[in-house]
Amino acid sequence: PQHSTRLAILPNGKVVVALPHKHVVLLFNKEGKAKGHLGSFENPHGVSALEGGKVAVLDDERIVVFSKSGEEHEFVPQGLNTATGLCVDGEGALVTINRYRSEFSLWGPLN
């Protein structure tokens, strides 16, 4: 089977790439050079750029938000167990799809 990759491009041109099959989220500079990784994950299903240089990562039953300086904040929303994909709406709320319940969920805005 093909492995999937999720990515987000930050306003400063950096790229965040989630590799679920390797349980890692990588960070690249705008020139494409690897700059390291973000945290430790079971199965990162999605990444999204947030205001202020923050990055959100959807991982199985939690969402981890990284500040521009690398500080982590973990959120464990109720009912988040089969979610996939992550994006931000126009008001700054995180949006994901819960496949088991065939619904989408909004969390936020996360400041």
Protein backbone atom coordinates (compact mmCIF):
# COMPACT_ATOMS: atom_id res chain seq x y z
CA PRO A 1 0.00 0.00 0.00
CA GLN A 2 1.04 3.60 -0.60
CA HIS A 3 2.00 5.68 2.42
CA SER A 4 0.27 9.02 2.84
CA THR A 5 1.91 12.33 3.67
CA ARG A 6 0.25 15.36 5.22
CA LEU A 7 1.80 18.80 5.02
CA ALA A 8 1.30 22.43 5.89
CA ILE A 9 3.13 25.49 4.61
CA LEU A 10 3.73 28.15 7.25
CA PRO A 11 3.49 31.89 6.44
CA ASN A 12 7.30 32.18 6.68
CA GLY A 13 7.71 29.51 3.98
CA LYS A 14 8.71 26.66 6.27
CA VAL A 15 7.04 23.30 5.59
CA VAL A 16 5.72 20.86 8.18
CA VAL A 17 5.30 17.25 6.99
CA ALA A 18 3.51 14.45 8.88
CA LEU A 19 4.57 10.91 8.02
CA PRO A 20 2.03 8.62 9.76
CA HIS A 21 3.81 5.42 8.72
CA LYS A 22 7.01 6.67 10.42
CA HIS A 23 5.24 8.25 13.44
CA VAL A 24 7.03 11.55 12.90
CA VAL A 25 6.38 15.18 11.95
CA LEU A 26 9.30 16.83 10.16
CA LEU A 27 10.14 20.52 9.77
CA PHE A 28 11.84 21.94 6.66
CA ASN A 29 13.05 25.47 5.99
CA LYS A 30 11.81 27.38 2.94
CA GLU A 31 14.79 26.13 0.94
CA GLY A 32 13.74 22.52 1.58
CA LYS A 33 16.48 21.61 4.08
CA ALA A 34 15.45 19.44 7.02
CA LYS A 35 15.46 21.40 10.29
CA GLY A 36 14.37 18.64 12.68
CA HIS A 37 11.18 17.06 13.92
CA LEU A 38 8.28 17.99 16.18
CA GLY A 39 7.43 15.79 19.15
CA SER A 40 6.62 12.10 19.30
CA PHE A 41 3.45 10.72 17.73
CA GLU A 42 1.53 7.46 17.42
CA ASN A 43 -0.11 8.23 14.08
CA PRO A 44 -0.08 11.88 12.95
CA HIS A 45 -3.23 12.15 10.78
CA GLY A 46 -2.93 15.84 9.90
CA VAL A 47 -1.05 19.10 10.31
CA SER A 48 -2.18 22.68 9.96
CA ALA A 49 -0.57 26.11 10.21
CA LEU A 50 -2.10 28.44 12.80
CA GLU A 51 -1.79 32.17 13.35
CA GLY A 52 1.38 33.45 14.97
CA GLY A 53 3.60 30.74 13.52
CA LYS A 54 1.94 27.94 15.50
CA VAL A 55 1.47 24.41 14.12
CA ALA A 56 -1.28 21.94 15.08
CA VAL A 57 -0.82 18.18 14.73
CA LEU A 58 -3.71 15.69 14.88
CA ASP A 59 -2.52 12.42 16.46
CA ASP A 60 -5.01 9.59 17.10
CA GLU A 61 -6.90 10.91 20.16
CA ARG A 62 -5.21 14.28 20.69
CA ILE A 63 -4.22 17.54 19.06
CA VAL A 64 -0.81 18.99 19.85
CA VAL A 65 -0.20 22.68 19.18
CA PHE A 66 3.41 23.86 18.89
CA SER A 67 4.26 27.52 19.42
CA LYS A 68 6.75 29.30 17.20
CA SER A 69 9.39 28.65 19.90
CA GLY A 70 8.56 24.91 20.01
CA GLU A 71 6.51 24.87 23.22
CA GLU A 72 3.86 22.11 23.18
CA HIS A 73 0.22 22.31 24.30
CA GLU A 74 -1.83 19.12 24.18
CA PHE A 75 -5.62 19.01 23.76
CA VAL A 76 -7.68 15.83 24.15
CA PRO A 77 -11.15 16.64 22.78
CA GLN A 78 -13.96 14.24 23.73
CA GLY A 79 -14.97 11.92 20.90
CA LEU A 80 -11.73 12.29 18.95
CA ASN A 81 -10.95 8.68 18.12
CA THR A 82 -11.27 8.12 14.37
CA ALA A 83 -10.50 11.61 13.12
CA THR A 84 -8.46 12.33 10.02
CA GLY A 85 -7.25 15.50 8.35
CA LEU A 86 -6.89 18.88 9.99
CA CYS A 87 -7.49 22.42 8.80
CA VAL A 88 -8.36 25.84 10.19
CA ASP A 89 -11.53 27.75 9.37
CA GLY A 90 -11.76 31.52 8.78
CA GLU A 91 -12.24 32.19 12.50
CA GLY A 92 -9.20 30.18 13.66
CA ALA A 93 -11.04 27.03 14.80
CA LEU A 94 -9.52 23.64 13.99
CA VAL A 95 -11.67 21.38 11.81
CA THR A 96 -11.35 17.60 11.39
CA ILE A 97 -13.45 14.67 10.14
CA ASN A 98 -14.55 11.93 12.53
CA ARG A 99 -14.82 8.89 10.22
CA TYR A 100 -16.53 6.60 12.73
CA ARG A 101 -19.42 8.99 13.33
CA SER A 102 -19.47 10.45 9.80
CA GLU A 103 -19.31 13.99 11.14
CA PHE A 104 -16.92 16.89 11.35
CA SER A 105 -15.85 18.70 14.48
CA LEU A 106 -14.68 22.21 15.31
CA TRP A 107 -12.29 23.08 18.15
CA GLY A 108 -11.15 26.55 18.91
CA PRO A 109 -10.12 29.03 18.07
CA LEU A 110 -6.94 27.89 19.80
CA ASN A 111 -5.05 30.94 21.03
